[in-house]
Amino acid sequence: MRRPVGGGLHPSWSIKRLMSKTIYNSRTGFTLIEIIIIMFIIGLSAGLVTIFVGRDTSNRDLNTFVKDSAVILRYARNHAITEKIKYSFVVSGDQGFYGLYIDRKPDGDVGEAGPVIKKPLPETLDIYFKGSSSDAVIDFYPQGSSSGGSIRVVSRKGKEMFLIINRVTGSVKIAKTLN
């Protein structure tokens, strides 16, 4: 039996023949102009997305305000119980702020301790409390109860959310409808 030439390869598979064959076709990959066009389209789409996403902030302001207020209200309830001090959550539409105060005087003025937390109201929201659009005060007492009530928050687009504070337990609930 005769041994094939080339160290065990079939006679038709010579080294020259294997080297001469190109592995890739001459027309593979993308040209420079094709890559530039694709990059331009991707950049244009990314730019348009950021314009449309960042355009309206009223719903984002609504969600942020409601969640932040709920955290502050829960903080007030917990600290009123543990510190045995009355805490007051105040929303002042006229002065454009909301915050948390300690030691409110009986006549409604803020006591000597001043604000624990004070933040500006977002301009894109309207706040309503028991039919009044100017001020809201919710007190949290050392026994765990509160003055109770509901705060209605409305965005410019008409979306509304409610903060509902239970009078007996002082618990805070976020709702999309008042039920």
Foldseek 3Di string as FASTA:
>chain_A
DDAAPDVRDHVVDDPVVVVPDDPDDPDDDDDPVVVVVVVVVVVVVVVVVVCVVPPDCQVVLQVVVQVVVLVQLVVQLVCCQVVQWKKKWKDFQVVFKTFIATDADPVRHGDPRDTPDIDGRDPQKFKDWPNDRGMDMKMHGNVQFICWGKMWIAGNVGQIKMWGAHRGRRHIDIGRDDD
